[in-house]
Protein backbone atom coordinates (compact mmCIF):
# COMPACT_ATOMS: atom_id res chain seq x y z
CA MET A 1 0.00 0.00 0.00
CA ASN A 2 1.13 3.50 -0.63
CA ASN A 3 1.55 6.28 1.94
CA ILE A 4 -1.80 7.90 1.16
CA THR A 5 -3.69 4.68 1.87
CA TRP A 6 -1.82 4.19 5.17
CA THR A 7 -2.53 7.78 6.16
CA ILE A 8 -6.24 7.37 5.44
CA LEU A 9 -6.40 4.10 7.41
CA TRP A 10 -4.54 5.68 10.33
CA PHE A 11 -6.89 8.68 10.30
CA TRP A 12 -10.02 6.45 10.33
CA ASN A 13 -8.67 4.34 13.20
CA ILE A 14 -8.00 7.44 15.28
CA LEU A 15 -11.44 8.84 14.43
CA LEU A 16 -13.15 5.58 15.45
CA LEU A 17 -11.22 5.56 18.72
CA PHE A 18 -12.40 9.10 19.53
CA VAL A 19 -16.00 8.21 18.67
CA LYS A 20 -15.83 5.23 21.04
CA ILE A 21 -14.37 7.40 23.80
CA LEU A 22 -17.01 10.09 23.29
CA PHE A 23 -19.97 7.73 23.37
CA ALA A 24 -18.88 5.21 25.99
CA LYS A 25 -17.98 5.42 29.64
CA GLU A 26 -15.95 2.79 31.46
CA ILE A 27 -15.71 2.47 35.24
CA VAL A 28 -13.19 0.12 36.82
CA ILE A 29 -14.67 -1.39 39.97
CA ARG A 30 -12.48 -2.93 42.67
CA ASN A 31 -13.96 -5.17 45.36
CA ASP A 32 -13.10 -2.68 48.11
CA ASP A 33 -13.76 0.73 46.55
CA ASP A 34 -16.68 3.17 46.80
CA TYR A 35 -17.98 2.23 43.34
CA TRP A 36 -18.60 -1.28 44.66
CA LYS A 37 -19.89 -0.24 48.08
CA ASN A 38 -22.47 2.01 46.36
CA PHE A 39 -22.98 -0.17 43.31
CA ALA A 40 -26.63 0.72 42.58
CA ASN A 41 -25.75 4.42 42.59
CA THR A 42 -22.67 3.78 40.46
CA LEU A 43 -24.77 2.13 37.76
CA ASN A 44 -27.87 4.31 37.98
CA ASN A 45 -26.00 7.65 38.01
CA ASN A 46 -23.51 6.98 35.20
CA GLN A 47 -25.65 6.12 32.20
CA ASN A 48 -25.19 9.50 30.53
CA ASP A 49 -23.40 8.16 27.47
CA ASN A 50 -24.56 5.61 24.92
CA GLU A 51 -22.69 2.80 26.65
CA LEU A 52 -21.58 2.12 30.22
CA ILE A 53 -18.94 -0.54 30.82
CA LEU A 54 -18.54 -1.71 34.40
CA ARG A 55 -15.20 -3.52 34.51
CA PHE A 56 -14.74 -5.87 37.48
CA ILE A 57 -10.99 -6.47 37.56
CA ASP A 58 -10.69 -8.38 40.85
CA ASP A 59 -11.33 -12.12 40.99
CA TYR A 60 -13.85 -12.06 43.83
CA TYR A 61 -16.69 -9.76 44.92
CA ILE A 62 -18.95 -10.43 47.91
CA ILE A 63 -22.57 -9.41 47.38
CA ASP A 64 -23.32 -8.28 50.93
CA TYR A 65 -25.09 -4.94 51.04
CA VAL A 66 -27.08 -3.21 53.76
CA SER A 67 -30.42 -4.13 52.22
CA ASN A 68 -31.76 -7.61 52.74
CA SER A 69 -33.55 -7.91 49.43
CA ALA A 70 -32.58 -6.64 46.00
CA LEU A 71 -30.43 -3.89 44.56
CA ASN A 72 -32.61 -1.73 42.31
CA LEU A 73 -30.89 -1.14 38.97
CA LEU A 74 -32.47 0.95 36.19
CA ILE A 75 -31.14 0.32 32.68
CA THR A 76 -31.53 3.29 30.32
CA LYS A 77 -28.67 2.67 27.86
CA LYS A 78 -26.34 -0.17 26.92
CA VAL A 79 -24.71 -1.51 30.11
CA ILE A 80 -21.98 -4.15 30.23
CA PHE A 81 -20.89 -6.02 33.38
CA ARG A 82 -17.44 -7.24 32.33
CA GLY A 83 -15.49 -9.66 34.50
CA ASN A 84 -11.85 -10.54 34.07
CA GLU A 85 -10.70 -13.18 31.57
CA ASN A 86 -10.71 -16.01 34.13
CA GLY A 87 -14.18 -15.17 35.40
CA THR A 88 -15.10 -12.79 38.19
CA VAL A 89 -17.00 -14.35 41.10
CA PHE A 90 -20.09 -12.61 42.48
CA ASP A 91 -20.45 -14.54 45.75
CA TYR A 92 -23.81 -14.09 47.43
CA ILE A 93 -22.55 -16.02 50.51
CA ASP A 94 -25.90 -17.82 50.84
CA LYS A 95 -27.87 -14.59 51.13
CA ARG A 96 -30.86 -13.23 49.24
CA ILE A 97 -29.54 -9.97 47.81
CA GLY A 98 -30.46 -10.19 44.15
CA PHE A 99 -30.55 -7.64 41.35
CA ASN A 100 -33.92 -6.03 40.59
CA ILE A 101 -33.31 -4.89 37.01
CA LYS A 102 -35.79 -2.55 35.35
CA PHE A 103 -35.57 -1.33 31.80
CA SER A 104 -36.81 2.18 31.08
CA THR A 105 -39.03 2.96 28.11
CA ASN A 106 -36.14 3.70 25.76
CA LYS A 107 -35.78 1.48 22.72
CA ASP A 108 -33.01 -1.03 22.18
CA GLU A 109 -31.71 -1.09 25.73
CA LYS A 110 -29.04 -3.72 26.25
CA LEU A 111 -27.61 -5.40 29.31
CA SER A 112 -24.64 -7.75 29.03
CA PHE A 113 -22.87 -9.93 31.56
CA GLU A 114 -19.44 -11.16 30.43
CA ASN A 115 -17.24 -13.61 32.35
CA ILE A 116 -19.26 -13.42 35.59
CA ILE A 117 -19.65 -16.36 37.98
CA PHE A 118 -22.87 -16.06 40.01
CA LYS A 119 -22.32 -18.19 43.10
CA ASN A 120 -24.02 -19.22 46.38
CA TYR A 121 -27.34 -17.42 46.02
CA GLN A 122 -29.96 -18.60 48.52
CA GLU A 123 -33.48 -17.46 49.34
CA LYS A 124 -35.07 -18.73 52.52
CA VAL A 125 -38.61 -17.49 51.76
CA ILE A 126 -39.58 -20.00 49.09
CA LEU A 127 -43.07 -18.71 48.19
CA ASN A 128 -42.39 -14.99 47.77
CA GLY A 129 -38.64 -14.92 47.49
CA VAL A 130 -36.38 -12.63 45.53
CA PRO A 131 -34.73 -14.27 42.49
CA LEU A 132 -31.08 -13.67 41.75
CA LEU A 133 -32.03 -11.59 38.68
CA ASP A 134 -35.54 -10.10 38.68
CA ILE A 135 -35.92 -8.49 35.26
CA GLN A 136 -38.83 -6.17 34.48
CA SER A 137 -39.70 -4.06 31.46
CA SER A 138 -42.66 -2.15 30.10
CA ILE A 139 -41.42 -2.56 26.51
CA SER A 140 -40.27 -5.56 24.53
CA ASP A 141 -37.32 -3.85 22.79
CA PHE A 142 -34.53 -4.83 25.15
CA TYR A 143 -31.74 -7.39 25.11
CA ILE A 144 -29.99 -9.29 27.87
CA THR A 145 -26.96 -11.40 27.01
CA PHE A 146 -24.81 -13.65 29.15
CA ASP A 147 -21.42 -14.48 27.64
CA ASN A 148 -19.14 -17.03 29.32
CA CYS A 149 -21.07 -16.88 32.60
CA ILE A 150 -21.37 -19.61 35.22
CA PHE A 151 -24.25 -20.12 37.65
CA GLN A 152 -22.87 -22.22 40.49
CA ASP A 153 -24.30 -23.54 43.79
CA ASN A 154 -27.41 -21.36 43.69
CA LYS A 155 -30.37 -22.60 45.74
CA TYR A 156 -33.28 -20.56 44.39
CA LYS A 157 -34.67 -19.09 41.18
CA ILE A 158 -32.01 -17.54 39.03
CA PHE A 159 -34.29 -15.56 36.71
CA GLN A 160 -37.68 -13.99 36.78
CA LEU A 161 -38.71 -12.10 33.63
CA LYS A 162 -41.77 -9.88 33.44
CA VAL A 163 -42.64 -7.87 30.32
CA ASP A 164 -45.69 -5.62 30.46
CA SER A 165 -45.99 -4.46 26.88
CA PHE A 166 -49.02 -3.54 24.86
CA LYS A 167 -47.15 -4.37 21.67
CA SER A 168 -46.53 -7.96 20.68
CA LEU A 169 -43.06 -9.35 21.17
CA LYS A 170 -40.75 -9.64 18.21
CA SER A 171 -40.17 -13.09 16.80
CA GLU A 172 -36.70 -13.32 18.36
CA TYR A 173 -36.28 -13.68 22.08
CA HIS A 174 -34.20 -11.17 24.01
CA LEU A 175 -32.61 -13.32 26.71
CA ILE A 176 -29.48 -14.87 25.18
CA PHE A 177 -26.92 -17.24 26.72
CA ASN A 178 -23.60 -17.81 24.95
CA ASN A 179 -21.18 -20.41 26.32
CA CYS A 180 -22.73 -20.41 29.83
CA LYS A 181 -22.79 -23.18 32.43
CA PHE A 182 -25.57 -23.95 34.89
């Protein structure tokens, strides 16, 4: 290739990098920092860009918050929970603190879990218990994907999905598991 072609390719790569930086926000979360201690606020207050990446770089996170039920998370954009390459453990230490995930009324909202190990979730109230992931939406245009996730030693419902939509669902389903183990 000649110099002009290389210059054009270099320019486009730099431009694409700036576009990604402008329209995405990434927060690195350690298992002992304030982002983790106030996780619901971290997620709910940082969805100002088109994409929010929550990068969990430690191997192990204990899900042990002040509340005894669920963390309320509102998804308004594309949100990615990204564990490390070897899998990041979310250990519920046999407690019932699940994620209550609600999608707003925006279209094409996406939630992804990558390389997360959900472990030791337990609910003692069997009839009206809190599932590990309680997912609710008033629209059907949302996507949830699990890539390389493991669900291990959980002793209650993992998922509960409720869609209250006046429109009919699309022909494809929006809860996708890729290379996951149960």
